[in-house]
Amino acid sequence: MTASDPKLPEHEAIYKKIRNMILFGEVLPGQGVTILGLKDAVGAGVTPVREAIRRLTAEGALEALGNRRVCVPELSPQRIDEIYFARFALEPKMAQLAAEQITEDGIALLEALDAKVDQAIETGNIEAYLESNFRFHFALYDMAGTPILRKIVTSLWLQFGPSLRVVSGRFGTSNLPDMHSETIEALRRGDAAAAARAIEEDIQQGLDLMTQALGS
C-alpha cells in the first residue's frame, strides 16, 4: 500500500506508508526522526504526517523524544517478555479460529504468500522476508474474523518489527521464523489445534532469536 493509493484517503495512506516503514525496519530502534524528515520521506504534507505520528505513538510504535522528534523504541527484556506473552495468548487462538472457517481460496492465498516468504529466505532478502512474513500472518488472522484482536496484534507487531529487522541483519534469513508450511498443512486437514500449535512454534522461534540477538 502506498501513499498515492487512490482507494485510501490521504491521511490513511500516509499513516500506512509510515507504519510500513517502521514495521519493515526502514526506521531502526533508537533512530530519531522528525515530522519534516518523515514528510520528505513519504512526500506528504505536515498535517497527515503529524496525524500518523500521533496514531503510531498511541499504538506504541513510536515514542516522543522532545524537540518535535520521535523514535522507534528500543526493546528492553521486560518489553520483549510482555509483547511475546500477548502474542502467545492471541495469535494461536486467531489461527485456530481461522482454521475453523477457512476456504480453499484462503488456503491458496496463504500458499502464494508463503512462496514469497520461502523465496526471500532462500535469496537472503531481509526486506522481502519481513513484508511477506507479515502478509502471511495477517492474511491468516483476517480469516479469523476478530477485528479487535487484529488491532491489538498489529500494535504488537509494530513494536517488535523493527527489532526483528536488527535480528535479521545479525543472523541472516536462514534461521528466521517459518512454520508456515506446517500451518498450511494443518489448515488443509482441518486441524485447528495443530494450526494453533504451528503458529505458537513460529512465535517461539522468533522469541528465541530475539532474546539471543538482543542479549535478554
N, C-alpha and C. Protein backbone atom coordinates (compact mmCIF):
# COMPACT_ATOMS: atom_id res chain seq x y z
N MET A 1 0.85 -1.19 0.00
CA MET A 1 0.00 0.00 0.00
C MET A 1 0.88 1.23 0.00
N THR A 2 0.64 2.15 -0.88
CA THR A 2 1.45 3.34 -0.96
C THR A 2 0.64 4.57 -0.63
N ALA A 3 1.39 5.67 -0.43
CA ALA A 3 0.72 6.91 -0.06
C ALA A 3 -0.14 7.44 -1.19
N SER A 4 0.12 7.02 -2.42
CA SER A 4 -0.63 7.52 -3.55
C SER A 4 -1.80 6.62 -3.93
N ASP A 5 -2.08 5.59 -3.14
CA ASP A 5 -3.16 4.67 -3.44
C ASP A 5 -4.48 5.44 -3.49
N PRO A 6 -5.15 5.46 -4.67
CA PRO A 6 -6.37 6.24 -4.79
C PRO A 6 -7.53 5.67 -4.00
N LYS A 7 -7.41 4.42 -3.50
CA LYS A 7 -8.51 3.81 -2.77
C LYS A 7 -8.59 4.30 -1.33
N LEU A 8 -7.53 4.94 -0.85
CA LEU A 8 -7.50 5.38 0.53
C LEU A 8 -7.51 6.89 0.63
N PRO A 9 -8.16 7.43 1.69
CA PRO A 9 -7.99 8.86 1.96
C PRO A 9 -6.51 9.16 2.21
N GLU A 10 -6.10 10.38 1.92
CA GLU A 10 -4.68 10.71 2.03
C GLU A 10 -4.12 10.43 3.42
N HIS A 11 -4.85 10.81 4.46
CA HIS A 11 -4.31 10.64 5.81
C HIS A 11 -4.09 9.16 6.14
N GLU A 12 -4.98 8.29 5.64
CA GLU A 12 -4.84 6.86 5.91
C GLU A 12 -3.69 6.26 5.12
N ALA A 13 -3.54 6.71 3.87
CA ALA A 13 -2.44 6.21 3.04
C ALA A 13 -1.09 6.63 3.62
N ILE A 14 -0.99 7.86 4.12
CA ILE A 14 0.26 8.32 4.72
C ILE A 14 0.54 7.54 5.99
N TYR A 15 -0.49 7.33 6.80
CA TYR A 15 -0.31 6.54 8.01
C TYR A 15 0.24 5.15 7.67
N LYS A 16 -0.34 4.49 6.68
CA LYS A 16 0.10 3.13 6.34
C LYS A 16 1.51 3.12 5.78
N LYS A 17 1.86 4.15 5.05
CA LYS A 17 3.22 4.19 4.50
C LYS A 17 4.24 4.35 5.62
N ILE A 18 3.99 5.25 6.57
CA ILE A 18 4.92 5.42 7.69
C ILE A 18 4.90 4.19 8.58
N ARG A 19 3.71 3.62 8.78
CA ARG A 19 3.61 2.39 9.57
C ARG A 19 4.48 1.29 8.97
N ASN A 20 4.42 1.14 7.64
CA ASN A 20 5.21 0.09 7.00
C ASN A 20 6.70 0.38 7.07
N MET A 21 7.09 1.64 7.05
CA MET A 21 8.50 1.99 7.23
C MET A 21 9.00 1.48 8.57
N ILE A 22 8.16 1.61 9.58
CA ILE A 22 8.52 1.13 10.92
C ILE A 22 8.45 -0.39 10.97
N LEU A 23 7.36 -0.94 10.50
CA LEU A 23 7.10 -2.37 10.59
C LEU A 23 8.17 -3.19 9.90
N PHE A 24 8.65 -2.71 8.76
CA PHE A 24 9.61 -3.48 7.98
C PHE A 24 11.05 -2.98 8.14
N GLY A 25 11.28 -2.18 9.18
CA GLY A 25 12.63 -1.89 9.59
C GLY A 25 13.35 -0.78 8.84
N GLU A 26 12.62 0.06 8.12
CA GLU A 26 13.29 1.20 7.47
C GLU A 26 13.71 2.24 8.51
N VAL A 27 12.99 2.28 9.62
CA VAL A 27 13.36 3.14 10.74
C VAL A 27 13.77 2.20 11.87
N LEU A 28 15.00 2.25 12.31
CA LEU A 28 15.53 1.29 13.26
C LEU A 28 15.29 1.72 14.70
N PRO A 29 15.28 0.79 15.64
CA PRO A 29 15.10 1.13 17.05
C PRO A 29 16.13 2.16 17.51
N GLY A 30 15.64 3.19 18.20
CA GLY A 30 16.52 4.24 18.71
C GLY A 30 16.82 5.34 17.72
N GLN A 31 16.43 5.15 16.48
CA GLN A 31 16.70 6.16 15.45
C GLN A 31 15.67 7.29 15.54
N GLY A 32 16.13 8.49 15.78
CA GLY A 32 15.24 9.63 15.88
C GLY A 32 14.83 10.15 14.51
N VAL A 33 13.58 10.55 14.40
CA VAL A 33 13.07 11.15 13.18
C VAL A 33 12.22 12.37 13.55
N THR A 34 12.03 13.24 12.58
CA THR A 34 11.23 14.44 12.79
C THR A 34 10.05 14.45 11.83
N ILE A 35 9.10 15.30 12.13
CA ILE A 35 7.95 15.45 11.23
C ILE A 35 8.43 15.85 9.84
N LEU A 36 9.36 16.79 9.79
CA LEU A 36 9.84 17.25 8.48
C LEU A 36 10.59 16.15 7.75
N GLY A 37 11.36 15.36 8.50
CA GLY A 37 12.08 14.26 7.87
C GLY A 37 11.13 13.22 7.29
N LEU A 38 10.10 12.87 8.04
CA LEU A 38 9.12 11.92 7.53
C LEU A 38 8.31 12.52 6.39
N LYS A 39 8.03 13.81 6.49
CA LYS A 39 7.30 14.49 5.41
C LYS A 39 8.06 14.36 4.10
N ASP A 40 9.36 14.56 4.14
CA ASP A 40 10.17 14.44 2.93
C ASP A 40 10.25 13.00 2.46
N ALA A 41 10.33 12.06 3.41
CA ALA A 41 10.48 10.65 3.07
C ALA A 41 9.26 10.09 2.35
N VAL A 42 8.07 10.54 2.75
CA VAL A 42 6.85 9.99 2.15
C VAL A 42 6.21 10.93 1.15
N GLY A 43 6.77 12.13 1.01
CA GLY A 43 6.23 13.07 0.03
C GLY A 43 4.83 13.53 0.37
N ALA A 44 4.63 13.92 1.62
CA ALA A 44 3.30 14.32 2.08
C ALA A 44 3.37 15.65 2.81
N GLY A 45 2.21 16.19 3.15
CA GLY A 45 2.14 17.42 3.90
C GLY A 45 2.37 17.19 5.38
N VAL A 46 2.56 18.28 6.11
CA VAL A 46 2.85 18.18 7.53
C VAL A 46 1.66 17.61 8.31
N THR A 47 0.45 18.03 7.96
CA THR A 47 -0.72 17.63 8.75
C THR A 47 -0.96 16.12 8.76
N PRO A 48 -0.98 15.43 7.61
CA PRO A 48 -1.19 13.98 7.67
C PRO A 48 -0.02 13.24 8.32
N VAL A 49 1.19 13.77 8.18
CA VAL A 49 2.34 13.14 8.84
C VAL A 49 2.23 13.29 10.34
N ARG A 50 1.84 14.47 10.80
CA ARG A 50 1.66 14.69 12.24
C ARG A 50 0.59 13.75 12.79
N GLU A 51 -0.50 13.60 12.05
CA GLU A 51 -1.58 12.71 12.50
C GLU A 51 -1.10 11.25 12.54
N ALA A 52 -0.30 10.85 11.54
CA ALA A 52 0.23 9.49 11.52
C ALA A 52 1.14 9.26 12.72
N ILE A 53 1.97 10.23 13.05
CA ILE A 53 2.86 10.11 14.21
C ILE A 53 2.04 9.99 15.48
N ARG A 54 0.98 10.76 15.59
CA ARG A 54 0.12 10.69 16.78
C ARG A 54 -0.46 9.29 16.93
N ARG A 55 -0.97 8.73 15.84
CA ARG A 55 -1.56 7.39 15.89
C ARG A 55 -0.51 6.33 16.23
N LEU A 56 0.64 6.44 15.61
CA LEU A 56 1.68 5.43 15.82
C LEU A 56 2.27 5.52 17.22
N THR A 57 2.29 6.70 17.78
CA THR A 57 2.74 6.85 19.16
C THR A 57 1.73 6.20 20.10
N ALA A 58 0.45 6.39 19.84
CA ALA A 58 -0.59 5.77 20.65
C ALA A 58 -0.54 4.25 20.57
N GLU A 59 -0.09 3.72 19.43
CA GLU A 59 -0.01 2.28 19.23
C GLU A 59 1.30 1.67 19.76
N GLY A 60 2.18 2.52 20.27
CA GLY A 60 3.43 2.02 20.82
C GLY A 60 4.55 1.85 19.81
N ALA A 61 4.31 2.24 18.56
CA ALA A 61 5.33 2.08 17.52
C ALA A 61 6.37 3.19 17.57
N LEU A 62 6.00 4.35 18.13
CA LEU A 62 6.90 5.48 18.26
C LEU A 62 6.80 6.03 19.68
N GLU A 63 7.85 6.72 20.11
CA GLU A 63 7.77 7.44 21.38
C GLU A 63 8.42 8.80 21.22
N ALA A 64 7.91 9.76 21.96
CA ALA A 64 8.38 11.14 21.85
C ALA A 64 9.74 11.30 22.53
N LEU A 65 10.61 12.08 21.86
CA LEU A 65 11.93 12.40 22.41
C LEU A 65 12.01 13.84 22.88
N GLY A 66 11.06 14.67 22.48
CA GLY A 66 11.15 16.10 22.72
C GLY A 66 11.71 16.80 21.50
N ASN A 67 11.59 18.12 21.48
CA ASN A 67 12.05 18.92 20.34
C ASN A 67 11.47 18.42 19.02
N ARG A 68 10.20 17.98 19.09
CA ARG A 68 9.46 17.53 17.90
C ARG A 68 10.09 16.32 17.22
N ARG A 69 10.83 15.55 17.99
CA ARG A 69 11.44 14.34 17.47
C ARG A 69 10.78 13.12 18.11
N VAL A 70 10.70 12.06 17.33
CA VAL A 70 10.20 10.79 17.83
C VAL A 70 11.19 9.70 17.42
N CYS A 71 11.07 8.54 18.05
CA CYS A 71 11.93 7.43 17.66
C CYS A 71 11.17 6.12 17.82
N VAL A 72 11.68 5.09 17.16
CA VAL A 72 11.19 3.73 17.39
C VAL A 72 11.81 3.25 18.70
N PRO A 73 11.01 2.81 19.66
CA PRO A 73 11.57 2.40 20.96
C PRO A 73 12.50 1.19 20.81
N GLU A 74 13.55 1.19 21.60
CA GLU A 74 14.39 0.00 21.71
C GLU A 74 13.75 -0.94 22.73
N LEU A 75 13.79 -2.23 22.44
CA LEU A 75 13.11 -3.19 23.29
C LEU A 75 13.98 -3.60 24.48
N SER A 76 13.44 -3.44 25.66
CA SER A 76 14.07 -3.95 26.87
C SER A 76 13.64 -5.41 27.05
N PRO A 77 14.37 -6.17 27.86
CA PRO A 77 13.94 -7.55 28.13
C PRO A 77 12.50 -7.63 28.64
N GLN A 78 12.12 -6.70 29.52
CA GLN A 78 10.75 -6.72 30.05
C GLN A 78 9.74 -6.48 28.94
N ARG A 79 10.04 -5.55 28.05
CA ARG A 79 9.10 -5.25 26.97
C ARG A 79 8.98 -6.42 26.02
N ILE A 80 10.10 -7.09 25.73
CA ILE A 80 10.05 -8.29 24.89
C ILE A 80 9.15 -9.34 25.54
N ASP A 81 9.32 -9.55 26.84
CA ASP A 81 8.52 -10.55 27.55
C ASP A 81 7.03 -10.21 27.45
N GLU A 82 6.68 -8.95 27.62
CA GLU A 82 5.27 -8.56 27.57
C GLU A 82 4.70 -8.74 26.17
N ILE A 83 5.45 -8.32 25.16
CA ILE A 83 4.97 -8.44 23.78
C ILE A 83 4.73 -9.89 23.43
N TYR A 84 5.69 -10.75 23.76
CA TYR A 84 5.55 -12.14 23.38
C TYR A 84 4.53 -12.88 24.24
N PHE A 85 4.34 -12.49 25.47
CA PHE A 85 3.26 -13.04 26.29
C PHE A 85 1.92 -12.79 25.59
N ALA A 86 1.74 -11.57 25.11
CA ALA A 86 0.49 -11.23 24.43
C ALA A 86 0.36 -11.96 23.10
N ARG A 87 1.46 -12.09 22.37
CA ARG A 87 1.41 -12.81 21.09
C ARG A 87 1.02 -14.27 21.30
N PHE A 88 1.63 -14.92 22.31
CA PHE A 88 1.29 -16.31 22.59
C PHE A 88 -0.18 -16.46 22.98
N ALA A 89 -0.72 -15.46 23.65
CA ALA A 89 -2.11 -15.52 24.08
C ALA A 89 -3.09 -15.34 22.93
N LEU A 90 -2.73 -14.51 21.96
CA LEU A 90 -3.70 -14.12 20.94
C LEU A 90 -3.54 -14.81 19.59
N GLU A 91 -2.33 -14.88 19.08
CA GLU A 91 -2.16 -15.32 17.70
C GLU A 91 -2.50 -16.80 17.47
N PRO A 92 -2.10 -17.73 18.34
CA PRO A 92 -2.54 -19.11 18.12
C PRO A 92 -4.08 -19.25 18.13
N LYS A 93 -4.72 -18.49 19.01
CA LYS A 93 -6.19 -18.53 19.05
C LYS A 93 -6.78 -18.02 17.74
N MET A 94 -6.19 -16.96 17.19
CA MET A 94 -6.69 -16.44 15.91
C MET A 94 -6.48 -17.46 14.80
N ALA A 95 -5.34 -18.17 14.84
CA ALA A 95 -5.09 -19.22 13.84
C ALA A 95 -6.13 -20.33 13.98
N GLN A 96 -6.46 -20.69 15.21
CA GLN A 96 -7.46 -21.73 15.44
C GLN A 96 -8.82 -21.31 14.89
N LEU A 97 -9.21 -20.08 15.15
CA LEU A 97 -10.49 -19.58 14.65
C LEU A 97 -10.50 -19.53 13.13
N ALA A 98 -9.37 -19.13 12.54
CA ALA A 98 -9.29 -19.10 11.08
C ALA A 98 -9.42 -20.49 10.50
N ALA A 99 -8.79 -21.48 11.15
CA ALA A 99 -8.84 -22.85 10.66
C ALA A 99 -10.25 -23.41 10.64
N GLU A 100 -11.08 -22.94 11.55
CA GLU A 100 -12.44 -23.46 11.66
C GLU A 100 -13.36 -22.97 10.55
N GLN A 101 -12.90 -21.97 9.78
CA GLN A 101 -13.77 -21.43 8.73
C GLN A 101 -13.05 -21.15 7.42
N ILE A 102 -11.81 -21.61 7.29
CA ILE A 102 -11.02 -21.29 6.11
C ILE A 102 -11.58 -22.01 4.88
N THR A 103 -11.41 -21.40 3.72
CA THR A 103 -11.86 -21.96 2.45
C THR A 103 -10.66 -22.40 1.62
N GLU A 104 -10.94 -23.11 0.52
CA GLU A 104 -9.86 -23.50 -0.38
C GLU A 104 -9.17 -22.27 -0.95
N ASP A 105 -9.94 -21.22 -1.25
CA ASP A 105 -9.33 -19.98 -1.74
C ASP A 105 -8.41 -19.37 -0.69
N GLY A 106 -8.81 -19.45 0.57
CA GLY A 106 -7.97 -18.93 1.64
C GLY A 106 -6.66 -19.69 1.74
N ILE A 107 -6.74 -21.00 1.62
CA ILE A 107 -5.52 -21.80 1.67
C ILE A 107 -4.62 -21.47 0.48
N ALA A 108 -5.21 -21.30 -0.69
CA ALA A 108 -4.43 -20.95 -1.88
C ALA A 108 -3.72 -19.61 -1.70
N LEU A 109 -4.40 -18.66 -1.10
CA LEU A 109 -3.79 -17.36 -0.84
C LEU A 109 -2.60 -17.51 0.10
N LEU A 110 -2.75 -18.27 1.16
CA LEU A 110 -1.65 -18.47 2.10
C LEU A 110 -0.48 -19.19 1.44
N GLU A 111 -0.76 -20.14 0.57
CA GLU A 111 0.31 -20.83 -0.14
C GLU A 111 1.10 -19.87 -1.02
N ALA A 112 0.39 -18.96 -1.70
CA ALA A 112 1.07 -17.98 -2.55
C ALA A 112 1.92 -17.03 -1.72
N LEU A 113 1.42 -16.61 -0.58
CA LEU A 113 2.18 -15.72 0.29
C LEU A 113 3.38 -16.44 0.90
N ASP A 114 3.20 -17.72 1.25
CA ASP A 114 4.31 -18.48 1.82
C ASP A 114 5.40 -18.70 0.80
N ALA A 115 5.04 -18.83 -0.47
CA ALA A 115 6.06 -18.97 -1.52
C ALA A 115 6.96 -17.75 -1.56
N LYS A 116 6.40 -16.58 -1.30
CA LYS A 116 7.20 -15.35 -1.26
C LYS A 116 8.12 -15.33 -0.04
N VAL A 117 7.63 -15.86 1.07
CA VAL A 117 8.46 -15.97 2.26
C VAL A 117 9.65 -16.89 1.97
N ASP A 118 9.36 -18.04 1.38
CA ASP A 118 10.42 -19.01 1.07
C ASP A 118 11.46 -18.41 0.12
N GLN A 119 10.99 -17.69 -0.87
CA GLN A 119 11.91 -17.08 -1.83
C GLN A 119 12.80 -16.05 -1.14
N ALA A 120 12.22 -15.27 -0.25
CA ALA A 120 13.00 -14.26 0.47
C ALA A 120 14.06 -14.91 1.35
N ILE A 121 13.70 -16.02 2.00
CA ILE A 121 14.66 -16.73 2.85
C ILE A 121 15.78 -17.30 2.00
N GLU A 122 15.43 -17.90 0.87
CA GLU A 122 16.43 -18.53 0.00
C GLU A 122 17.40 -17.51 -0.59
N THR A 123 16.91 -16.33 -0.89
CA THR A 123 17.76 -15.31 -1.52
C THR A 123 18.40 -14.37 -0.51
N GLY A 124 18.08 -14.53 0.77
CA GLY A 124 18.65 -13.66 1.79
C GLY A 124 18.11 -12.24 1.76
N ASN A 125 16.90 -12.07 1.23
CA ASN A 125 16.31 -10.74 1.10
C ASN A 125 15.52 -10.42 2.38
N ILE A 126 16.16 -9.71 3.28
CA ILE A 126 15.55 -9.45 4.59
C ILE A 126 14.29 -8.61 4.46
N GLU A 127 14.35 -7.56 3.64
CA GLU A 127 13.18 -6.68 3.49
C GLU A 127 11.98 -7.46 2.96
N ALA A 128 12.22 -8.32 1.95
CA ALA A 128 11.13 -9.10 1.38
C ALA A 128 10.60 -10.11 2.40
N TYR A 129 11.50 -10.66 3.22
CA TYR A 129 11.04 -11.60 4.26
C TYR A 129 10.12 -10.89 5.24
N LEU A 130 10.53 -9.74 5.74
CA LEU A 130 9.74 -9.04 6.74
C LEU A 130 8.35 -8.72 6.21
N GLU A 131 8.29 -8.26 4.97
CA GLU A 131 6.98 -7.91 4.41
C GLU A 131 6.14 -9.14 4.12
N SER A 132 6.72 -10.14 3.48
CA SER A 132 5.93 -11.32 3.10
C SER A 132 5.52 -12.12 4.34
N ASN A 133 6.36 -12.15 5.36
CA ASN A 133 6.00 -12.83 6.60
C ASN A 133 4.81 -12.13 7.27
N PHE A 134 4.85 -10.81 7.29
CA PHE A 134 3.72 -10.05 7.83
C PHE A 134 2.45 -10.32 7.04
N ARG A 135 2.55 -10.30 5.71
CA ARG A 135 1.37 -10.52 4.87
C ARG A 135 0.77 -11.90 5.12
N PHE A 136 1.64 -12.91 5.28
CA PHE A 136 1.13 -14.26 5.53
C PHE A 136 0.35 -14.30 6.84
N HIS A 137 0.96 -13.83 7.91
CA HIS A 137 0.31 -13.91 9.21
C HIS A 137 -1.01 -13.15 9.23
N PHE A 138 -1.03 -11.98 8.66
CA PHE A 138 -2.24 -11.18 8.77
C PHE A 138 -3.31 -11.60 7.78
N ALA A 139 -2.93 -12.25 6.68
CA ALA A 139 -3.95 -12.87 5.83
C ALA A 139 -4.65 -13.98 6.62
N LEU A 140 -3.85 -14.77 7.36
CA LEU A 140 -4.43 -15.82 8.20
C LEU A 140 -5.30 -15.22 9.29
N TYR A 141 -4.80 -14.21 9.98
CA TYR A 141 -5.56 -13.64 11.09
C TYR A 141 -6.83 -12.94 10.62
N ASP A 142 -6.79 -12.38 9.42
CA ASP A 142 -8.01 -11.77 8.88
C ASP A 142 -9.13 -12.80 8.72
N MET A 143 -8.73 -14.05 8.44
CA MET A 143 -9.72 -15.11 8.26
C MET A 143 -10.37 -15.52 9.56
N ALA A 144 -9.80 -15.09 10.69
CA ALA A 144 -10.39 -15.41 11.99
C ALA A 144 -11.65 -14.59 12.26
N GLY A 145 -11.77 -13.43 11.59
CA GLY A 145 -12.94 -12.59 11.80
C GLY A 145 -12.99 -11.95 13.17
N THR A 146 -11.80 -11.51 13.66
CA THR A 146 -11.72 -10.92 15.00
C THR A 146 -11.04 -9.55 14.90
N PRO A 147 -11.75 -8.53 14.46
CA PRO A 147 -11.12 -7.23 14.21
C PRO A 147 -10.50 -6.59 15.45
N ILE A 148 -11.08 -6.81 16.63
CA ILE A 148 -10.50 -6.22 17.84
C ILE A 148 -9.15 -6.87 18.14
N LEU A 149 -9.09 -8.19 18.05
CA LEU A 149 -7.82 -8.88 18.28
C LEU A 149 -6.81 -8.50 17.21
N ARG A 150 -7.26 -8.34 15.99
CA ARG A 150 -6.34 -7.97 14.91
C ARG A 150 -5.68 -6.63 15.21
N LYS A 151 -6.45 -5.69 15.71
CA LYS A 151 -5.91 -4.37 16.02
C LYS A 151 -4.84 -4.46 17.11
N ILE A 152 -5.10 -5.27 18.12
CA ILE A 152 -4.12 -5.45 19.20
C ILE A 152 -2.85 -6.10 18.66
N VAL A 153 -3.01 -7.14 17.85
CA VAL A 153 -1.86 -7.87 17.33
C VAL A 153 -1.04 -6.99 16.38
N THR A 154 -1.71 -6.15 15.60
CA THR A 154 -0.98 -5.22 14.74
C THR A 154 -0.09 -4.30 15.57
N SER A 155 -0.61 -3.82 16.69
CA SER A 155 0.20 -2.98 17.57
C SER A 155 1.41 -3.73 18.10
N LEU A 156 1.24 -5.00 18.45
CA LEU A 156 2.36 -5.80 18.92
C LEU A 156 3.42 -5.95 17.84
N TRP A 157 3.00 -6.21 16.61
CA TRP A 157 3.95 -6.36 15.51
C TRP A 157 4.68 -5.06 15.24
N LEU A 158 4.00 -3.95 15.37
CA LEU A 158 4.65 -2.65 15.19
C LEU A 158 5.75 -2.43 16.22
N GLN A 159 5.59 -3.02 17.40
CA GLN A 159 6.57 -2.81 18.46
C GLN A 159 7.79 -3.71 18.33
N PHE A 160 7.61 -4.94 17.80
CA PHE A 160 8.78 -5.81 17.69
C PHE A 160 9.35 -5.88 16.28
N GLY A 161 8.60 -5.40 15.27
CA GLY A 161 9.06 -5.49 13.89
C GLY A 161 10.41 -4.85 13.63
N PRO A 162 10.65 -3.62 14.10
CA PRO A 162 11.96 -3.00 13.87
C PRO A 162 13.11 -3.79 14.48
N SER A 163 12.89 -4.39 15.65
CA SER A 163 13.94 -5.19 16.27
C SER A 163 14.16 -6.49 15.52
N LEU A 164 13.10 -7.03 14.90
CA LEU A 164 13.27 -8.22 14.07
C LEU A 164 14.16 -7.90 12.88
N ARG A 165 14.07 -6.67 12.39
CA ARG A 165 14.97 -6.25 11.30
C ARG A 165 16.42 -6.30 11.76
N VAL A 166 16.68 -5.86 12.99
CA VAL A 166 18.03 -5.91 13.55
C VAL A 166 18.49 -7.36 13.69
N VAL A 167 17.60 -8.21 14.20
CA VAL A 167 17.92 -9.63 14.36
C VAL A 167 18.23 -10.27 13.01
N SER A 168 17.43 -9.93 12.01
CA SER A 168 17.65 -10.49 10.67
C SER A 168 19.01 -10.08 10.12
N GLY A 169 19.39 -8.84 10.40
CA GLY A 169 20.69 -8.37 9.93
C GLY A 169 21.84 -9.11 10.57
N ARG A 170 21.67 -9.56 11.80
CA ARG A 170 22.74 -10.28 12.51
C ARG A 170 22.81 -11.75 12.11
N PHE A 171 21.66 -12.38 11.92
CA PHE A 171 21.62 -13.81 11.68
C PHE A 171 21.36 -14.19 10.22
N GLY A 172 20.99 -13.20 9.39
CA GLY A 172 20.58 -13.55 8.04
C GLY A 172 19.18 -14.14 8.05
N THR A 173 18.76 -14.67 6.92
CA THR A 173 17.39 -15.16 6.80
C THR A 173 17.26 -16.66 7.06
N SER A 174 18.36 -17.38 7.10
CA SER A 174 18.26 -18.85 7.13
C SER A 174 17.61 -19.37 8.41
N ASN A 175 17.74 -18.66 9.52
CA ASN A 175 17.18 -19.13 10.79
C ASN A 175 15.95 -18.37 11.24
N LEU A 176 15.38 -17.58 10.35
CA LEU A 176 14.22 -16.78 10.73
C LEU A 176 12.98 -17.65 10.89
N PRO A 177 12.00 -17.19 11.70
CA PRO A 177 10.81 -17.99 11.95
C PRO A 177 10.07 -18.35 10.66
N ASP A 178 9.69 -19.62 10.54
CA ASP A 178 8.92 -20.05 9.37
C ASP A 178 8.30 -21.41 9.63
N MET A 179 7.15 -21.40 10.26
CA MET A 179 6.35 -22.61 10.45
C MET A 179 5.11 -22.55 9.56
N HIS A 180 5.26 -21.89 8.44
CA HIS A 180 4.10 -21.65 7.59
C HIS A 180 3.62 -22.90 6.89
N SER A 181 4.55 -23.73 6.41
CA SER A 181 4.12 -24.94 5.71
C SER A 181 3.37 -25.86 6.66
N GLU A 182 3.84 -25.94 7.92
CA GLU A 182 3.15 -26.75 8.92
C GLU A 182 1.76 -26.18 9.21
N THR A 183 1.67 -24.86 9.23
CA THR A 183 0.37 -24.21 9.44
C THR A 183 -0.58 -24.54 8.31
N ILE A 184 -0.09 -24.43 7.09
CA ILE A 184 -0.94 -24.69 5.92
C ILE A 184 -1.39 -26.14 5.89
N GLU A 185 -0.50 -27.07 6.19
CA GLU A 185 -0.88 -28.48 6.22
C GLU A 185 -1.98 -28.73 7.25
N ALA A 186 -1.86 -28.10 8.41
CA ALA A 186 -2.89 -28.25 9.43
C ALA A 186 -4.22 -27.67 8.95
N LEU A 187 -4.16 -26.53 8.29
CA LEU A 187 -5.38 -25.92 7.76
C LEU A 187 -6.02 -26.81 6.72
N ARG A 188 -5.20 -27.41 5.88
CA ARG A 188 -5.72 -28.28 4.82
C ARG A 188 -6.42 -29.51 5.41
N ARG A 189 -5.89 -30.01 6.54
CA ARG A 189 -6.50 -31.17 7.21
C ARG A 189 -7.72 -30.78 8.04
N GLY A 190 -7.91 -29.46 8.23
CA GLY A 190 -8.99 -29.02 9.10
C GLY A 190 -8.68 -29.20 10.57
N ASP A 191 -7.38 -29.25 10.89
CA ASP A 191 -6.93 -29.48 12.27
C ASP A 191 -6.62 -28.13 12.92
N ALA A 192 -7.62 -27.56 13.56
CA ALA A 192 -7.47 -26.22 14.13
C ALA A 192 -6.44 -26.19 15.25
N ALA A 193 -6.39 -27.24 16.06
CA ALA A 193 -5.43 -27.28 17.16
C ALA A 193 -4.00 -27.32 16.65
N ALA A 194 -3.77 -28.09 15.58
CA ALA A 194 -2.43 -28.17 15.00
C ALA A 194 -2.02 -26.85 14.37
N ALA A 195 -2.96 -26.15 13.76
CA ALA A 195 -2.66 -24.84 13.19
C ALA A 195 -2.25 -23.87 14.29
N ALA A 196 -2.95 -23.91 15.41
CA ALA A 196 -2.60 -23.05 16.55
C ALA A 196 -1.21 -23.40 17.07
N ARG A 197 -0.89 -24.71 17.16
CA ARG A 197 0.43 -25.11 17.65
C ARG A 197 1.54 -24.66 16.70
N ALA A 198 1.28 -24.72 15.40
CA ALA A 198 2.30 -24.29 14.43
C ALA A 198 2.59 -22.80 14.56
N ILE A 199 1.55 -22.01 14.74
CA ILE A 199 1.76 -20.57 14.92
C ILE A 199 2.47 -20.31 16.25
N GLU A 200 2.13 -21.06 17.27
CA GLU A 200 2.81 -20.90 18.56
C GLU A 200 4.31 -21.20 18.42
N GLU A 201 4.64 -22.24 17.66
CA GLU A 201 6.05 -22.58 17.44
C GLU A 201 6.74 -21.50 16.61
N ASP A 202 6.05 -20.94 15.64
CA ASP A 202 6.59 -19.85 14.84
C ASP A 202 6.95 -18.66 15.74
N ILE A 203 6.04 -18.33 16.64
CA ILE A 203 6.28 -17.23 17.58
C ILE A 203 7.47 -17.55 18.48
N GLN A 204 7.55 -18.80 18.95
CA GLN A 204 8.64 -19.20 19.83
C GLN A 204 9.99 -19.07 19.14
N GLN A 205 10.05 -19.46 17.86
CA GLN A 205 11.29 -19.32 17.11
C GLN A 205 11.73 -17.86 17.05
N GLY A 206 10.77 -16.98 16.83
CA GLY A 206 11.08 -15.55 16.79
C GLY A 206 11.56 -15.04 18.12
N LEU A 207 10.91 -15.48 19.19
CA LEU A 207 11.32 -15.05 20.53
C LEU A 207 12.73 -15.55 20.85
N ASP A 208 13.04 -16.79 20.49
CA ASP A 208 14.37 -17.33 20.76
C ASP A 208 15.45 -16.51 20.06
N LEU A 209 15.21 -16.16 18.80
CA LEU A 209 16.18 -15.35 18.06
C LEU A 209 16.30 -13.95 18.65
N MET A 210 15.15 -13.38 19.01
CA MET A 210 15.14 -12.03 19.55
C MET A 210 15.94 -11.95 20.85
N THR A 211 15.70 -12.90 21.75
CA THR A 211 16.39 -12.85 23.04
C THR A 211 17.88 -13.13 22.87
N GLN A 212 18.22 -14.02 21.95
CA GLN A 212 19.64 -14.30 21.69
C GLN A 212 20.34 -13.09 21.12
N ALA A 213 19.71 -12.43 20.15
CA ALA A 213 20.35 -11.32 19.46
C ALA A 213 20.45 -10.08 20.34
N LEU A 214 19.41 -9.84 21.14
CA LEU A 214 19.36 -8.62 21.93
C LEU A 214 19.89 -8.82 23.34
N GLY A 215 20.35 -10.04 23.63
CA GLY A 215 21.02 -10.27 24.90
C GLY A 215 20.16 -10.26 26.10
N SER A 216 18.85 -10.61 25.93
CA SER A 216 17.99 -10.62 27.09
C SER A 216 18.05 -11.95 27.81
